[in-house]
């Protein structure tokens, strides 16, 4: 309300504390009186970035499927080779699109 009174609109952000360490957390960190291990210690972002491989070493080019069955020359063959389709459905596919 103070921002609105000053002529500014409030800005909202979403902080997801389970993705990376940001310092803004929604979970309460209650004391553990049992002295048991209470979960992993978060790894600082600087250490994660330093240990990460470059994306160029992790990613490989992919061939995407065609957007429609009409554009996909292998669509019928792919459907006929599916192991989870009932046999009568495969027969009907052959009749209609074979």
PDB file of N, CA and C in Angstrom:
ATOM      1  N   UNK A   1       0.828  -1.191   0.000  1.00  0.00           N
ATOM      2  CA  UNK A   1       0.000   0.000   0.000  1.00  0.00           C
ATOM      3  C   UNK A   1       0.867   1.247   0.000  1.00  0.00           C
ATOM      4  N   UNK A   2       2.034   1.170   0.688  1.00  0.00           N
ATOM      5  CA  UNK A   2       2.915   2.329   0.711  1.00  0.00           C
ATOM      6  C   UNK A   2       3.435   2.643  -0.676  1.00  0.00           C
ATOM      7  N   UNK A   3       3.732   1.583  -1.471  1.00  0.00           N
ATOM      8  CA  UNK A   3       4.195   1.799  -2.839  1.00  0.00           C
ATOM      9  C   UNK A   3       3.123   2.453  -3.695  1.00  0.00           C
ATOM     10  N   UNK A   4       1.885   2.005  -3.523  1.00  0.00           N
ATOM     11  CA  UNK A   4       0.786   2.563  -4.306  1.00  0.00           C
ATOM     12  C   UNK A   4       0.560   4.023  -3.938  1.00  0.00           C
ATOM     13  N   UNK A   5       0.725   4.351  -2.648  1.00  0.00           N
ATOM     14  CA  UNK A   5       0.582   5.734  -2.216  1.00  0.00           C
ATOM     15  C   UNK A   5       1.666   6.621  -2.793  1.00  0.00           C
ATOM     16  N   UNK A   6       2.829   6.042  -3.087  1.00  0.00           N
ATOM     17  CA  UNK A   6       3.937   6.803  -3.659  1.00  0.00           C
ATOM     18  C   UNK A   6       3.846   6.853  -5.187  1.00  0.00           C
ATOM     19  N   UNK A   7       2.771   6.314  -5.761  1.00  0.00           N
ATOM     20  CA  UNK A   7       2.587   6.353  -7.204  1.00  0.00           C
ATOM     21  C   UNK A   7       3.271   5.220  -7.941  1.00  0.00           C
ATOM     22  N   UNK A   8       3.790   4.211  -7.248  1.00  0.00           N
ATOM     23  CA  UNK A   8       4.453   3.080  -7.884  1.00  0.00           C
ATOM     24  C   UNK A   8       3.612   1.831  -7.716  1.00  0.00           C
ATOM     25  N   UNK A   9       3.724   0.934  -8.678  1.00  0.00           N
ATOM     26  CA  UNK A   9       3.014  -0.355  -8.585  1.00  0.00           C
ATOM     27  C   UNK A   9       3.941  -1.368  -7.933  1.00  0.00           C
ATOM     28  N   UNK A  10       3.401  -2.223  -7.081  1.00  0.00           N
ATOM     29  CA  UNK A  10       4.254  -3.250  -6.476  1.00  0.00           C
ATOM     30  C   UNK A  10       4.682  -4.279  -7.523  1.00  0.00           C
ATOM     31  N   UNK A  11       5.880  -4.795  -7.385  1.00  0.00           N
ATOM     32  CA  UNK A  11       6.387  -5.830  -8.281  1.00  0.00           C
ATOM     33  C   UNK A  11       6.413  -7.150  -7.529  1.00  0.00           C
ATOM     34  N   UNK A  12       5.900  -8.181  -8.149  1.00  0.00           N
ATOM     35  CA  UNK A  12       5.850  -9.491  -7.514  1.00  0.00           C
ATOM     36  C   UNK A  12       6.830 -10.424  -8.196  1.00  0.00           C
ATOM     37  N   UNK A  13       7.497 -11.251  -7.416  1.00  0.00           N
ATOM     38  CA  UNK A  13       8.388 -12.274  -7.955  1.00  0.00           C
ATOM     39  C   UNK A  13       8.079 -13.584  -7.263  1.00  0.00           C
ATOM     40  N   UNK A  14       8.462 -14.661  -7.895  1.00  0.00           N
ATOM     41  CA  UNK A  14       8.267 -15.998  -7.350  1.00  0.00           C
ATOM     42  C   UNK A  14       9.626 -16.567  -6.985  1.00  0.00           C
ATOM     43  N   UNK A  15       9.843 -16.877  -5.724  1.00  0.00           N
ATOM     44  CA  UNK A  15      11.101 -17.444  -5.250  1.00  0.00           C
ATOM     45  C   UNK A  15      10.912 -18.940  -5.044  1.00  0.00           C
ATOM     46  N   UNK A  16      11.600 -19.766  -5.825  1.00  0.00           N
ATOM     47  CA  UNK A  16      11.514 -21.213  -5.698  1.00  0.00           C
ATOM     48  C   UNK A  16      12.764 -21.702  -4.974  1.00  0.00           C
ATOM     49  N   UNK A  17      12.620 -21.976  -3.694  1.00  0.00           N
ATOM     50  CA  UNK A  17      13.798 -22.318  -2.899  1.00  0.00           C
ATOM     51  C   UNK A  17      14.301 -23.733  -3.136  1.00  0.00           C
ATOM     52  N   UNK A  18      13.585 -24.554  -3.899  1.00  0.00           N
ATOM     53  CA  UNK A  18      14.075 -25.906  -4.119  1.00  0.00           C
ATOM     54  C   UNK A  18      14.976 -26.005  -5.347  1.00  0.00           C
ATOM     55  N   UNK A  19      15.111 -24.953  -6.134  1.00  0.00           N
ATOM     56  CA  UNK A  19      15.910 -25.021  -7.351  1.00  0.00           C
ATOM     57  C   UNK A  19      17.370 -24.691  -7.074  1.00  0.00           C
ATOM     58  N   UNK A  20      17.628 -23.599  -6.428  1.00  0.00           N
ATOM     59  CA  UNK A  20      19.003 -23.221  -6.101  1.00  0.00           C
ATOM     60  C   UNK A  20      18.987 -22.337  -4.868  1.00  0.00           C
ATOM     61  N   UNK A  21      20.115 -22.232  -4.259  1.00  0.00           N
ATOM     62  CA  UNK A  21      20.247 -21.445  -3.034  1.00  0.00           C
ATOM     63  C   UNK A  21      20.136 -19.958  -3.377  1.00  0.00           C
ATOM     64  N   UNK A  22      19.111 -19.283  -2.858  1.00  0.00           N
ATOM     65  CA  UNK A  22      18.922 -17.857  -3.124  1.00  0.00           C
ATOM     66  C   UNK A  22      18.951 -17.024  -1.853  1.00  0.00           C
ATOM     67  N   UNK A  23      18.827 -17.661  -0.715  1.00  0.00           N
ATOM     68  CA  UNK A  23      18.751 -16.910   0.532  1.00  0.00           C
ATOM     69  C   UNK A  23      17.316 -16.592   0.920  1.00  0.00           C
ATOM     70  N   UNK A  24      16.374 -16.709  -0.010  1.00  0.00           N
ATOM     71  CA  UNK A  24      14.956 -16.499   0.276  1.00  0.00           C
ATOM     72  C   UNK A  24      14.288 -17.861   0.315  1.00  0.00           C
ATOM     73  N   UNK A  25      13.863 -18.291   1.472  1.00  0.00           N
ATOM     74  CA  UNK A  25      13.282 -19.617   1.602  1.00  0.00           C
ATOM     75  C   UNK A  25      11.928 -19.540   2.266  1.00  0.00           C
ATOM     76  N   UNK A  26      11.038 -20.428   1.843  1.00  0.00           N
ATOM     77  CA  UNK A  26       9.697 -20.467   2.394  1.00  0.00           C
ATOM     78  C   UNK A  26       9.564 -21.465   3.538  1.00  0.00           C
ATOM     79  N   UNK A  27      10.455 -22.452   3.571  1.00  0.00           N
ATOM     80  CA  UNK A  27      10.364 -23.494   4.588  1.00  0.00           C
ATOM     81  C   UNK A  27      10.924 -23.016   5.913  1.00  0.00           C
ATOM     82  N   UNK A  28      10.281 -23.377   6.986  1.00  0.00           N
ATOM     83  CA  UNK A  28      10.873 -23.046   8.284  1.00  0.00           C
ATOM     84  C   UNK A  28      12.044 -23.989   8.584  1.00  0.00           C
ATOM     85  N   UNK A  29      13.105 -23.460   9.115  1.00  0.00           N
ATOM     86  CA  UNK A  29      14.251 -24.276   9.515  1.00  0.00           C
ATOM     87  C   UNK A  29      14.238 -24.348  11.040  1.00  0.00           C
ATOM     88  N   UNK A  30      13.513 -25.345  11.527  1.00  0.00           N
ATOM     89  CA  UNK A  30      13.363 -25.512  12.970  1.00  0.00           C
ATOM     90  C   UNK A  30      14.576 -26.229  13.537  1.00  0.00           C
ATOM     91  N   UNK A  31      14.897 -25.938  14.786  1.00  0.00           N
ATOM     92  CA  UNK A  31      16.059 -26.614  15.376  1.00  0.00           C
ATOM     93  C   UNK A  31      15.821 -28.118  15.484  1.00  0.00           C
ATOM     94  N   UNK A  32      16.876 -28.890  15.276  1.00  0.00           N
ATOM     95  CA  UNK A  32      16.808 -30.344  15.365  1.00  0.00           C
ATOM     96  C   UNK A  32      17.379 -30.757  16.712  1.00  0.00           C
ATOM     97  N   UNK A  33      16.507 -31.071  17.649  1.00  0.00           N
ATOM     98  CA  UNK A  33      16.944 -31.413  19.003  1.00  0.00           C
ATOM     99  C   UNK A  33      17.391 -32.863  19.133  1.00  0.00           C
ATOM    100  N   UNK A  34      17.229 -33.652  18.050  1.00  0.00           N
ATOM    101  CA  UNK A  34      17.635 -35.054  18.105  1.00  0.00           C
ATOM    102  C   UNK A  34      19.081 -35.226  17.644  1.00  0.00           C
ATOM    103  N   UNK A  35      19.670 -34.188  17.049  1.00  0.00           N
ATOM    104  CA  UNK A  35      21.045 -34.203  16.548  1.00  0.00           C
ATOM    105  C   UNK A  35      21.247 -35.242  15.449  1.00  0.00           C
ATOM    106  N   UNK A  36      20.181 -35.520  14.720  1.00  0.00           N
ATOM    107  CA  UNK A  36      20.283 -36.403  13.565  1.00  0.00           C
ATOM    108  C   UNK A  36      20.577 -35.572  12.330  1.00  0.00           C
ATOM    109  N   UNK A  37      21.056 -36.226  11.285  1.00  0.00           N
ATOM    110  CA  UNK A  37      21.302 -35.557  10.017  1.00  0.00           C
ATOM    111  C   UNK A  37      19.990 -35.006   9.493  1.00  0.00           C
ATOM    112  N   UNK A  38      19.959 -33.726   9.186  1.00  0.00           N
ATOM    113  CA  UNK A  38      18.712 -33.061   8.820  1.00  0.00           C
ATOM    114  C   UNK A  38      18.665 -32.702   7.339  1.00  0.00           C
ATOM    115  N   UNK A  39      19.315 -33.484   6.488  1.00  0.00           N
ATOM    116  CA  UNK A  39      19.262 -33.243   5.058  1.00  0.00           C
ATOM    117  C   UNK A  39      20.592 -32.737   4.526  1.00  0.00           C
ATOM    118  N   UNK A  40      20.688 -32.652   3.216  1.00  0.00           N
ATOM    119  CA  UNK A  40      21.955 -32.257   2.601  1.00  0.00           C
ATOM    120  C   UNK A  40      22.255 -30.782   2.824  1.00  0.00           C
ATOM    121  N   UNK A  41      23.522 -30.469   2.853  1.00  0.00           N
ATOM    122  CA  UNK A  41      23.951 -29.076   2.941  1.00  0.00           C
ATOM    123  C   UNK A  41      23.912 -28.499   1.535  1.00  0.00           C
ATOM    124  N   UNK A  42      23.236 -27.360   1.337  1.00  0.00           N
ATOM    125  CA  UNK A  42      23.164 -26.790  -0.010  1.00  0.00           C
ATOM    126  C   UNK A  42      24.553 -26.444  -0.548  1.00  0.00           C
ATOM    127  N   UNK A  43      24.746 -26.712  -1.834  1.00  0.00           N
ATOM    128  CA  UNK A  43      26.009 -26.390  -2.488  1.00  0.00           C
ATOM    129  C   UNK A  43      25.910 -24.950  -2.989  1.00  0.00           C
ATOM    130  N   UNK A  44      26.885 -24.103  -2.679  1.00  0.00           N
ATOM    131  CA  UNK A  44      26.825 -22.719  -3.164  1.00  0.00           C
ATOM    132  C   UNK A  44      26.817 -22.671  -4.687  1.00  0.00           C
ATOM    133  N   UNK A  45      26.106 -21.719  -5.231  1.00  0.00           N
ATOM    134  CA  UNK A  45      25.964 -21.581  -6.684  1.00  0.00           C
ATOM    135  C   UNK A  45      27.327 -21.441  -7.369  1.00  0.00           C
ATOM    136  N   UNK A  46      28.248 -20.740  -6.770  1.00  0.00           N
ATOM    137  CA  UNK A  46      29.574 -20.560  -7.361  1.00  0.00           C
ATOM    138  C   UNK A  46      30.251 -21.909  -7.566  1.00  0.00           C
ATOM    139  N   UNK A  47      30.123 -22.810  -6.612  1.00  0.00           N
ATOM    140  CA  UNK A  47      30.732 -24.136  -6.730  1.00  0.00           C
ATOM    141  C   UNK A  47      30.036 -24.960  -7.806  1.00  0.00           C
ATOM    142  N   UNK A  48      28.705 -24.834  -7.922  1.00  0.00           N
ATOM    143  CA  UNK A  48      27.974 -25.581  -8.945  1.00  0.00           C
ATOM    144  C   UNK A  48      28.383 -25.126 -10.339  1.00  0.00           C
ATOM    145  N   UNK A  49      28.500 -23.825 -10.541  1.00  0.00           N
ATOM    146  CA  UNK A  49      28.870 -23.300 -11.855  1.00  0.00           C
ATOM    147  C   UNK A  49      30.292 -23.726 -12.205  1.00  0.00           C
ATOM    148  N   UNK A  50      31.187 -23.692 -11.244  1.00  0.00           N
ATOM    149  CA  UNK A  50      32.578 -24.074 -11.492  1.00  0.00           C
ATOM    150  C   UNK A  50      32.689 -25.555 -11.848  1.00  0.00           C
ATOM    151  N   UNK A  51      31.846 -26.401 -11.270  1.00  0.00           N
ATOM    152  CA  UNK A  51      31.920 -27.838 -11.495  1.00  0.00           C
ATOM    153  C   UNK A  51      31.136 -28.284 -12.729  1.00  0.00           C
ATOM    154  N   UNK A  52      30.280 -27.415 -13.259  1.00  0.00           N
ATOM    155  CA  UNK A  52      29.406 -27.791 -14.369  1.00  0.00           C
ATOM    156  C   UNK A  52      30.180 -27.877 -15.679  1.00  0.00           C
ATOM    157  N   UNK A  53      29.802 -28.853 -16.497  1.00  0.00           N
ATOM    158  CA  UNK A  53      30.368 -28.967 -17.846  1.00  0.00           C
ATOM    159  C   UNK A  53      29.660 -27.947 -18.738  1.00  0.00           C
ATOM    160  N   UNK A  54      30.341 -27.448 -19.744  1.00  0.00           N
ATOM    161  CA  UNK A  54      29.663 -26.558 -20.697  1.00  0.00           C
ATOM    162  C   UNK A  54      28.552 -27.316 -21.433  1.00  0.00           C
ATOM    163  N   UNK A  55      27.487 -26.610 -21.769  1.00  0.00           N
ATOM    164  CA  UNK A  55      26.375 -27.252 -22.472  1.00  0.00           C
ATOM    165  C   UNK A  55      26.816 -27.875 -23.790  1.00  0.00           C
ATOM    166  N   UNK A  56      27.816 -27.296 -24.425  1.00  0.00           N
ATOM    167  CA  UNK A  56      28.282 -27.845 -25.702  1.00  0.00           C
ATOM    168  C   UNK A  56      28.832 -29.263 -25.543  1.00  0.00           C
ATOM    169  N   UNK A  57      29.248 -29.633 -24.333  1.00  0.00           N
ATOM    170  CA  UNK A  57      29.739 -30.987 -24.085  1.00  0.00           C
ATOM    171  C   UNK A  57      28.626 -31.939 -23.667  1.00  0.00           C
ATOM    172  N   UNK A  58      27.487 -31.408 -23.253  1.00  0.00           N
ATOM    173  CA  UNK A  58      26.391 -32.241 -22.756  1.00  0.00           C
ATOM    174  C   UNK A  58      25.292 -32.479 -23.791  1.00  0.00           C
ATOM    175  N   UNK A  59      25.040 -31.490 -24.624  1.00  0.00           N
ATOM    176  CA  UNK A  59      23.920 -31.569 -25.543  1.00  0.00           C
ATOM    177  C   UNK A  59      24.339 -32.118 -26.897  1.00  0.00           C
ATOM    178  N   UNK A  60      23.422 -32.849 -27.510  1.00  0.00           N
ATOM    179  CA  UNK A  60      23.638 -33.370 -28.857  1.00  0.00           C
ATOM    180  C   UNK A  60      22.450 -32.938 -29.726  1.00  0.00           C
ATOM    181  N   UNK A  61      22.660 -32.778 -31.027  1.00  0.00           N
ATOM    182  CA  UNK A  61      21.539 -32.396 -31.901  1.00  0.00           C
ATOM    183  C   UNK A  61      20.470 -33.485 -31.921  1.00  0.00           C
ATOM    184  N   UNK A  62      19.228 -33.073 -31.974  1.00  0.00           N
ATOM    185  CA  UNK A  62      18.105 -34.001 -32.037  1.00  0.00           C
ATOM    186  C   UNK A  62      17.332 -33.794 -33.328  1.00  0.00           C
ATOM    187  N   UNK A  63      16.784 -34.864 -33.855  1.00  0.00           N
ATOM    188  CA  UNK A  63      15.880 -34.767 -34.985  1.00  0.00           C
ATOM    189  C   UNK A  63      14.467 -34.767 -34.426  1.00  0.00           C
ATOM    190  N   UNK A  64      13.752 -33.692 -34.649  1.00  0.00           N
ATOM    191  CA  UNK A  64      12.403 -33.572 -34.112  1.00  0.00           C
ATOM    192  C   UNK A  64      11.401 -34.277 -35.005  1.00  0.00           C
ATOM    193  N   UNK A  65      10.324 -34.764 -34.405  1.00  0.00           N
ATOM    194  CA  UNK A  65       9.241 -35.357 -35.175  1.00  0.00           C
ATOM    195  C   UNK A  65       8.552 -34.272 -35.983  1.00  0.00           C
ATOM    196  N   UNK A  66       7.940 -34.657 -37.081  1.00  0.00           N
ATOM    197  CA  UNK A  66       7.154 -33.703 -37.869  1.00  0.00           C
ATOM    198  C   UNK A  66       5.967 -33.235 -37.035  1.00  0.00           C
ATOM    199  N   UNK A  67       5.480 -32.041 -37.336  1.00  0.00           N
ATOM    200  CA  UNK A  67       4.387 -31.480 -36.540  1.00  0.00           C
ATOM    201  C   UNK A  67       3.056 -32.180 -36.779  1.00  0.00           C
ATOM    202  N   UNK A  68       2.845 -32.709 -37.973  1.00  0.00           N
ATOM    203  CA  UNK A  68       1.592 -33.387 -38.283  1.00  0.00           C
ATOM    204  C   UNK A  68       1.881 -34.737 -38.930  1.00  0.00           C
ATOM    205  N   UNK A  69       0.892 -35.609 -38.910  1.00  0.00           N
ATOM    206  CA  UNK A  69       1.041 -36.927 -39.524  1.00  0.00           C
ATOM    207  C   UNK A  69       1.245 -36.804 -41.031  1.00  0.00           C
ATOM    208  N   UNK A  70       0.630 -35.800 -41.655  1.00  0.00           N
ATOM    209  CA  UNK A  70       0.769 -35.597 -43.096  1.00  0.00           C
ATOM    210  C   UNK A  70       2.217 -35.276 -43.455  1.00  0.00           C
ATOM    211  N   UNK A  71       2.899 -34.534 -42.592  1.00  0.00           N
ATOM    212  CA  UNK A  71       4.280 -34.132 -42.854  1.00  0.00           C
ATOM    213  C   UNK A  71       5.295 -35.216 -42.508  1.00  0.00           C
ATOM    214  N   UNK A  72       4.863 -36.268 -41.808  1.00  0.00           N
ATOM    215  CA  UNK A  72       5.779 -37.306 -41.338  1.00  0.00           C
ATOM    216  C   UNK A  72       5.689 -38.518 -42.249  1.00  0.00           C
ATOM    217  N   UNK A  73       6.707 -38.713 -43.094  1.00  0.00           N
ATOM    218  CA  UNK A  73       6.661 -39.821 -44.045  1.00  0.00           C
ATOM    219  C   UNK A  73       6.747 -41.185 -43.368  1.00  0.00           C
ATOM    220  N   UNK A  74       7.259 -41.240 -42.134  1.00  0.00           N
ATOM    221  CA  UNK A  74       7.398 -42.512 -41.417  1.00  0.00           C
ATOM    222  C   UNK A  74       6.305 -42.741 -40.377  1.00  0.00           C
ATOM    223  N   UNK A  75       5.279 -41.908 -40.371  1.00  0.00           N
ATOM    224  CA  UNK A  75       4.255 -41.984 -39.328  1.00  0.00           C
ATOM    225  C   UNK A  75       3.551 -43.334 -39.304  1.00  0.00           C
ATOM    226  N   UNK A  76       3.101 -43.809 -40.462  1.00  0.00           N
ATOM    227  CA  UNK A  76       2.366 -45.081 -40.505  1.00  0.00           C
ATOM    228  C   UNK A  76       3.259 -46.238 -40.089  1.00  0.00           C
ATOM    229  N   UNK A  77       4.495 -46.232 -40.564  1.00  0.00           N
ATOM    230  CA  UNK A  77       5.428 -47.305 -40.203  1.00  0.00           C
ATOM    231  C   UNK A  77       5.693 -47.282 -38.686  1.00  0.00           C
ATOM    232  N   UNK A  78       5.843 -46.108 -38.129  1.00  0.00           N
ATOM    233  CA  UNK A  78       6.077 -45.980 -36.688  1.00  0.00           C
ATOM    234  C   UNK A  78       4.893 -46.515 -35.901  1.00  0.00           C
ATOM    235  N   UNK A  79       3.676 -46.161 -36.322  1.00  0.00           N
ATOM    236  CA  UNK A  79       2.479 -46.653 -35.630  1.00  0.00           C
ATOM    237  C   UNK A  79       2.370 -48.176 -35.703  1.00  0.00           C
ATOM    238  N   UNK A  80       2.652 -48.735 -36.865  1.00  0.00           N
ATOM    239  CA  UNK A  80       2.538 -50.183 -37.024  1.00  0.00           C
ATOM    240  C   UNK A  80       3.564 -50.936 -36.181  1.00  0.00           C
ATOM    241  N   UNK A  81       4.691 -50.284 -35.869  1.00  0.00           N
ATOM    242  CA  UNK A  81       5.734 -50.920 -35.059  1.00  0.00           C
ATOM    243  C   UNK A  81       5.557 -50.716 -33.558  1.00  0.00           C
ATOM    244  N   UNK A  82       4.538 -49.960 -33.161  1.00  0.00           N
ATOM    245  CA  UNK A  82       4.283 -49.749 -31.736  1.00  0.00           C
ATOM    246  C   UNK A  82       3.851 -51.058 -31.077  1.00  0.00           C
ATOM    247  N   UNK A  83       4.488 -51.415 -29.987  1.00  0.00           N
ATOM    248  CA  UNK A  83       4.161 -52.666 -29.307  1.00  0.00           C
ATOM    249  C   UNK A  83       2.916 -52.606 -28.446  1.00  0.00           C
ATOM    250  N   UNK A  84       2.436 -51.394 -28.134  1.00  0.00           N
ATOM    251  CA  UNK A  84       1.295 -51.293 -27.224  1.00  0.00           C
ATOM    252  C   UNK A  84      -0.045 -51.130 -27.941  1.00  0.00           C
ATOM    253  N   UNK A  85      -0.055 -51.166 -29.275  1.00  0.00           N
ATOM    254  CA  UNK A  85      -1.326 -51.046 -29.998  1.00  0.00           C
ATOM    255  C   UNK A  85      -1.955 -52.425 -30.174  1.00  0.00           C
ATOM    256  N   UNK A  86      -3.264 -52.528 -30.008  1.00  0.00           N
ATOM    257  CA  UNK A  86      -3.947 -53.803 -30.245  1.00  0.00           C
ATOM    258  C   UNK A  86      -3.810 -54.219 -31.711  1.00  0.00           C
ATOM    259  N   UNK A  87      -3.775 -55.522 -31.944  1.00  0.00           N
ATOM    260  CA  UNK A  87      -3.579 -56.064 -33.289  1.00  0.00           C
ATOM    261  C   UNK A  87      -4.677 -55.603 -34.248  1.00  0.00           C
ATOM    262  N   UNK A  88      -5.946 -55.589 -33.798  1.00  0.00           N
ATOM    263  CA  UNK A  88      -7.040 -55.184 -34.687  1.00  0.00           C
ATOM    264  C   UNK A  88      -6.922 -53.710 -35.074  1.00  0.00           C
ATOM    265  N   UNK A  89      -6.361 -52.901 -34.202  1.00  0.00           N
ATOM    266  CA  UNK A  89      -6.148 -51.485 -34.517  1.00  0.00           C
ATOM    267  C   UNK A  89      -5.088 -51.332 -35.608  1.00  0.00           C
ATOM    268  N   UNK A  90      -4.033 -52.141 -35.500  1.00  0.00           N
ATOM    269  CA  UNK A  90      -2.977 -52.109 -36.518  1.00  0.00           C
ATOM    270  C   UNK A  90      -3.525 -52.547 -37.882  1.00  0.00           C
ATOM    271  N   UNK A  91      -4.396 -53.561 -37.881  1.00  0.00           N
ATOM    272  CA  UNK A  91      -5.004 -54.032 -39.131  1.00  0.00           C
ATOM    273  C   UNK A  91      -5.850 -52.925 -39.747  1.00  0.00           C
ATOM    274  N   UNK A  92      -6.627 -52.251 -38.918  1.00  0.00           N
ATOM    275  CA  UNK A  92      -7.486 -51.158 -39.393  1.00  0.00           C
ATOM    276  C   UNK A  92      -6.649 -49.998 -39.941  1.00  0.00           C
ATOM    277  N   UNK A  93      -5.514 -49.718 -39.304  1.00  0.00           N
ATOM    278  CA  UNK A  93      -4.608 -48.679 -39.808  1.00  0.00           C
ATOM    279  C   UNK A  93      -4.142 -49.030 -41.212  1.00  0.00           C
ATOM    280  N   UNK A  94      -3.772 -50.307 -41.395  1.00  0.00           N
ATOM    281  CA  UNK A  94      -3.318 -50.749 -42.707  1.00  0.00           C
ATOM    282  C   UNK A  94      -4.394 -50.588 -43.780  1.00  0.00           C
ATOM    283  N   UNK A  95      -5.651 -50.868 -43.418  1.00  0.00           N
ATOM    284  CA  UNK A  95      -6.747 -50.726 -44.370  1.00  0.00           C
ATOM    285  C   UNK A  95      -6.979 -49.270 -44.745  1.00  0.00           C
ATOM    286  N   UNK A  96      -6.916 -48.385 -43.753  1.00  0.00           N
ATOM    287  CA  UNK A  96      -7.240 -46.989 -44.000  1.00  0.00           C
ATOM    288  C   UNK A  96      -6.081 -46.184 -44.573  1.00  0.00           C
ATOM    289  N   UNK A  97      -4.886 -46.475 -44.120  1.00  0.00           N
ATOM    290  CA  UNK A  97      -3.765 -45.642 -44.503  1.00  0.00           C
ATOM    291  C   UNK A  97      -2.646 -46.405 -45.204  1.00  0.00           C
ATOM    292  N   UNK A  98      -2.811 -47.715 -45.386  1.00  0.00           N
ATOM    293  CA  UNK A  98      -1.761 -48.546 -45.936  1.00  0.00           C
ATOM    294  C   UNK A  98      -1.408 -48.216 -47.317  1.00  0.00           C
TER     295      UNK A  98
END
